Amino acid sequence: MKLFNNPYIICLLALACLMFNSCGDDPTPKPNALLRLDYPLGTYKPFEGNCPYTFGINSLSKIKKNTDCNLEIYYPKMKATLYITYKPVQGNLETLLRDAEKLTYEHVIKATDIVSYPFINDEDKVYGMFSQVGGDAATNAQFYVTDSLHHFVTGSMYFYTKPNFDSIMPAASYLKDDMRFIMETLKWR
């Protein structure tokens, strides 16, 4: 008991307890914070052009028409473009379908997964496939639609930045919804 009466021993024990209790995991650096990306809900209006198709388009986008009813739908706030390509079916439906599938699966090198969903609209005779590409691929979504007799339309989305799925996920999700809306509202003339 004389040991605990010594003030030096008590100070050493208190210091040892303090040191053992203060030890913990080494501090780890925190990653840089990223801006939260929220996009306003778009209002949709019909795209009316001289093309053999029409669909609903987001009012937040801008359309640039190329030749032969090929469109570039630009989203300035997201720095992304949705490319719409039109091709007439002239006995080449099998080739058009194979090319559309090939375009999707060219991203398999960088993609973590590719999930495709069939699309059928018997009332308007619009049939196709919507594909989501996961991971750091150049495109995160693509689609194609056809009436099987006269018309074939493909769509693919690209960002003007190095693909990094974690940082573009909010914009990619927003654009996937827009692409689905285009598919669901597309009608042949």
Protein backbone atom coordinates (compact mmCIF):
# COMPACT_ATOMS: atom_id res chain seq x y z
CA MET A 1 0.00 0.00 0.00
CA LYS A 2 3.00 2.29 0.42
CA LEU A 3 3.39 2.15 -3.34
CA PHE A 4 0.19 4.13 -3.90
CA ASN A 5 1.14 6.76 -1.32
CA ASN A 6 4.04 7.93 -3.46
CA PRO A 7 2.95 10.96 -5.56
CA TYR A 8 5.38 10.11 -8.37
CA ILE A 9 3.92 6.64 -8.79
CA ILE A 10 0.38 8.02 -8.84
CA CYS A 11 1.37 10.55 -11.53
CA LEU A 12 3.04 7.83 -13.60
CA LEU A 13 -0.01 5.55 -13.34
CA ALA A 14 -2.34 8.40 -14.29
CA LEU A 15 -0.13 9.31 -17.23
CA ALA A 16 0.02 5.65 -18.36
CA CYS A 17 -3.78 5.34 -18.15
CA LEU A 18 -4.19 8.55 -20.11
CA MET A 19 -1.79 7.37 -22.80
CA PHE A 20 -3.43 3.94 -23.17
CA ASN A 21 -6.91 5.46 -23.37
CA SER A 22 -5.90 8.08 -25.90
CA CYS A 23 -4.42 5.55 -28.32
CA GLY A 24 -6.73 4.58 -31.13
CA ASP A 25 -6.79 4.09 -34.84
CA ASP A 26 -4.54 6.24 -36.91
CA PRO A 27 -6.42 9.14 -38.48
CA THR A 28 -7.36 8.53 -42.11
CA PRO A 29 -7.63 11.32 -44.64
CA LYS A 30 -11.13 12.08 -45.79
CA PRO A 31 -11.91 12.17 -49.53
CA ASN A 32 -12.72 15.50 -51.09
CA ALA A 33 -16.40 16.26 -50.90
CA LEU A 34 -18.33 16.31 -54.14
CA LEU A 35 -21.18 18.58 -55.04
CA ARG A 36 -24.62 17.07 -54.67
CA LEU A 37 -26.26 17.03 -58.07
CA ASP A 38 -30.00 17.59 -58.08
CA TYR A 39 -31.80 18.25 -61.33
CA PRO A 40 -35.24 19.80 -61.64
CA LEU A 41 -38.05 17.71 -62.98
CA GLY A 42 -38.43 18.37 -66.64
CA THR A 43 -41.63 19.15 -68.41
CA TYR A 44 -42.18 17.23 -71.58
CA LYS A 45 -43.38 18.49 -74.91
CA PRO A 46 -43.83 16.64 -78.19
CA PHE A 47 -40.96 16.62 -80.66
CA GLU A 48 -42.49 17.50 -83.99
CA GLY A 49 -40.22 17.37 -86.99
CA ASN A 50 -40.29 16.11 -90.54
CA CYS A 51 -39.17 12.68 -89.41
CA PRO A 52 -41.24 9.49 -89.60
CA TYR A 53 -41.44 9.43 -85.80
CA THR A 54 -42.40 11.66 -82.90
CA PHE A 55 -41.83 11.41 -79.14
CA GLY A 56 -41.94 13.42 -75.92
CA ILE A 57 -38.86 15.53 -75.23
CA ASN A 58 -37.62 17.10 -71.99
CA SER A 59 -37.88 20.90 -72.04
CA LEU A 60 -34.47 21.13 -70.30
CA SER A 61 -32.77 19.69 -73.37
CA LYS A 62 -31.83 21.24 -76.69
CA ILE A 63 -32.26 19.43 -80.02
CA LYS A 64 -29.81 19.61 -82.87
CA LYS A 65 -31.07 17.91 -85.99
CA ASN A 66 -28.54 16.28 -88.23
CA THR A 67 -29.27 14.71 -91.59
CA ASP A 68 -31.77 11.94 -92.29
CA CYS A 69 -33.70 12.40 -89.01
CA ASN A 70 -30.69 11.73 -86.81
CA LEU A 71 -30.83 13.91 -83.69
CA GLU A 72 -28.52 15.09 -80.95
CA ILE A 73 -30.41 15.90 -77.77
CA TYR A 74 -28.05 17.95 -75.62
CA TYR A 75 -28.45 18.39 -71.85
CA PRO A 76 -26.34 21.49 -71.01
CA LYS A 77 -26.53 21.19 -67.20
CA MET A 78 -25.33 17.58 -67.33
CA LYS A 79 -22.85 17.94 -70.18
CA ALA A 80 -24.38 14.96 -71.89
CA THR A 81 -25.85 14.16 -75.28
CA LEU A 82 -28.42 11.59 -76.29
CA TYR A 83 -27.83 10.50 -79.88
CA ILE A 84 -30.91 9.35 -81.79
CA THR A 85 -30.27 7.55 -85.07
CA TYR A 86 -32.96 6.71 -87.61
CA LYS A 87 -32.64 4.08 -90.33
CA PRO A 88 -35.34 2.84 -92.66
CA VAL A 89 -35.99 -0.90 -92.68
CA GLN A 90 -35.48 -2.20 -96.21
CA GLY A 91 -35.21 -5.95 -95.78
CA ASN A 92 -32.28 -5.40 -93.41
CA LEU A 93 -34.01 -5.71 -90.02
CA GLU A 94 -31.80 -8.58 -88.90
CA THR A 95 -28.64 -6.57 -89.65
CA LEU A 96 -30.03 -3.48 -87.86
CA LEU A 97 -30.88 -5.55 -84.77
CA ARG A 98 -27.47 -7.21 -84.75
CA ASP A 99 -25.70 -3.84 -85.09
CA ALA A 100 -27.75 -2.34 -82.22
CA GLU A 101 -26.92 -5.30 -79.95
CA LYS A 102 -23.26 -5.14 -81.00
CA LEU A 103 -23.12 -1.43 -80.09
CA THR A 104 -24.39 -2.22 -76.60
CA TYR A 105 -22.01 -5.11 -76.00
CA GLU A 106 -18.94 -3.20 -77.19
CA HIS A 107 -18.96 -1.65 -73.70
CA VAL A 108 -18.55 -5.01 -71.96
CA ILE A 109 -14.82 -4.35 -71.42
CA LYS A 110 -15.47 -1.49 -68.97
CA ALA A 111 -18.98 -2.45 -67.86
CA THR A 112 -19.67 -4.24 -64.60
CA ASP A 113 -22.97 -5.51 -65.96
CA ILE A 114 -25.40 -5.04 -68.83
CA VAL A 115 -29.10 -5.53 -68.16
CA SER A 116 -31.58 -5.41 -71.05
CA TYR A 117 -35.33 -4.95 -70.82
CA PRO A 118 -37.66 -5.72 -73.74
CA PHE A 119 -40.16 -3.04 -74.71
CA ILE A 120 -43.50 -3.84 -76.39
CA ASN A 121 -46.17 -1.30 -77.34
CA ASP A 122 -48.63 -3.23 -79.53
CA GLU A 123 -51.04 -0.30 -79.80
CA ASP A 124 -48.49 1.95 -81.56
CA LYS A 125 -46.46 -0.94 -83.06
CA VAL A 126 -43.26 0.01 -81.24
CA TYR A 127 -41.01 -2.87 -80.21
CA GLY A 128 -37.49 -2.74 -78.86
CA MET A 129 -34.95 -3.15 -76.09
CA PHE A 130 -33.63 -0.84 -73.38
CA SER A 131 -30.16 -1.68 -72.02
CA GLN A 132 -28.56 -0.36 -68.85
CA VAL A 133 -24.77 -0.52 -68.78
CA GLY A 134 -23.27 -0.52 -65.28
CA GLY A 135 -19.79 0.64 -64.35
CA ASP A 136 -17.38 3.07 -65.97
CA ALA A 137 -18.43 2.44 -69.58
CA ALA A 138 -18.64 5.27 -72.10
CA THR A 139 -22.43 5.02 -72.16
CA ASN A 140 -24.77 4.07 -69.33
CA ALA A 141 -27.87 3.36 -71.38
CA GLN A 142 -28.92 2.53 -74.93
CA PHE A 143 -32.10 1.55 -76.66
CA TYR A 144 -33.53 0.58 -80.01
CA VAL A 145 -37.11 0.49 -81.27
CA THR A 146 -38.69 -0.62 -84.51
CA ASP A 147 -42.03 -1.36 -86.10
CA SER A 148 -40.37 -4.38 -87.79
CA LEU A 149 -41.46 -3.23 -91.26
CA HIS A 150 -40.42 0.34 -92.06
CA HIS A 151 -38.60 2.13 -89.21
CA PHE A 152 -35.66 1.57 -86.86
CA VAL A 153 -34.45 4.05 -84.19
CA THR A 154 -31.51 3.71 -81.81
CA GLY A 155 -30.55 5.93 -78.90
CA SER A 156 -27.41 6.12 -76.80
CA MET A 157 -26.25 8.52 -74.11
CA TYR A 158 -22.74 9.93 -73.74
CA PHE A 159 -21.20 12.36 -71.25
CA TYR A 160 -18.49 14.90 -72.10
CA THR A 161 -16.28 13.69 -69.28
CA LYS A 162 -14.16 10.70 -68.37
CA PRO A 163 -16.57 7.95 -67.30
CA ASN A 164 -16.66 7.64 -63.52
CA PHE A 165 -19.95 6.09 -62.58
CA ASP A 166 -19.91 7.30 -58.98
CA SER A 167 -19.70 10.96 -59.95
CA ILE A 168 -22.11 10.91 -62.90
CA MET A 169 -24.68 8.59 -61.30
CA PRO A 170 -27.31 11.31 -60.57
CA ALA A 171 -27.13 12.63 -64.14
CA ALA A 172 -27.02 9.12 -65.63
CA SER A 173 -30.11 8.12 -63.66
CA TYR A 174 -31.94 11.26 -64.78
CA LEU A 175 -31.06 10.62 -68.43
CA LYS A 176 -32.04 6.95 -68.25
CA ASP A 177 -35.51 8.08 -67.18
CA ASP A 178 -35.60 10.50 -70.13
CA MET A 179 -34.53 7.77 -72.53
CA ARG A 180 -37.27 5.49 -71.25
CA PHE A 181 -39.77 8.31 -71.67
CA ILE A 182 -38.66 8.76 -75.28
CA MET A 183 -39.13 5.02 -75.89
CA GLU A 184 -42.53 4.94 -74.23
CA THR A 185 -43.86 7.98 -76.11
CA LEU A 186 -42.35 7.23 -79.52
CA LYS A 187 -44.93 6.88 -82.30
CA TRP A 188 -44.55 6.29 -86.03
CA ARG A 189 -46.09 8.57 -88.60
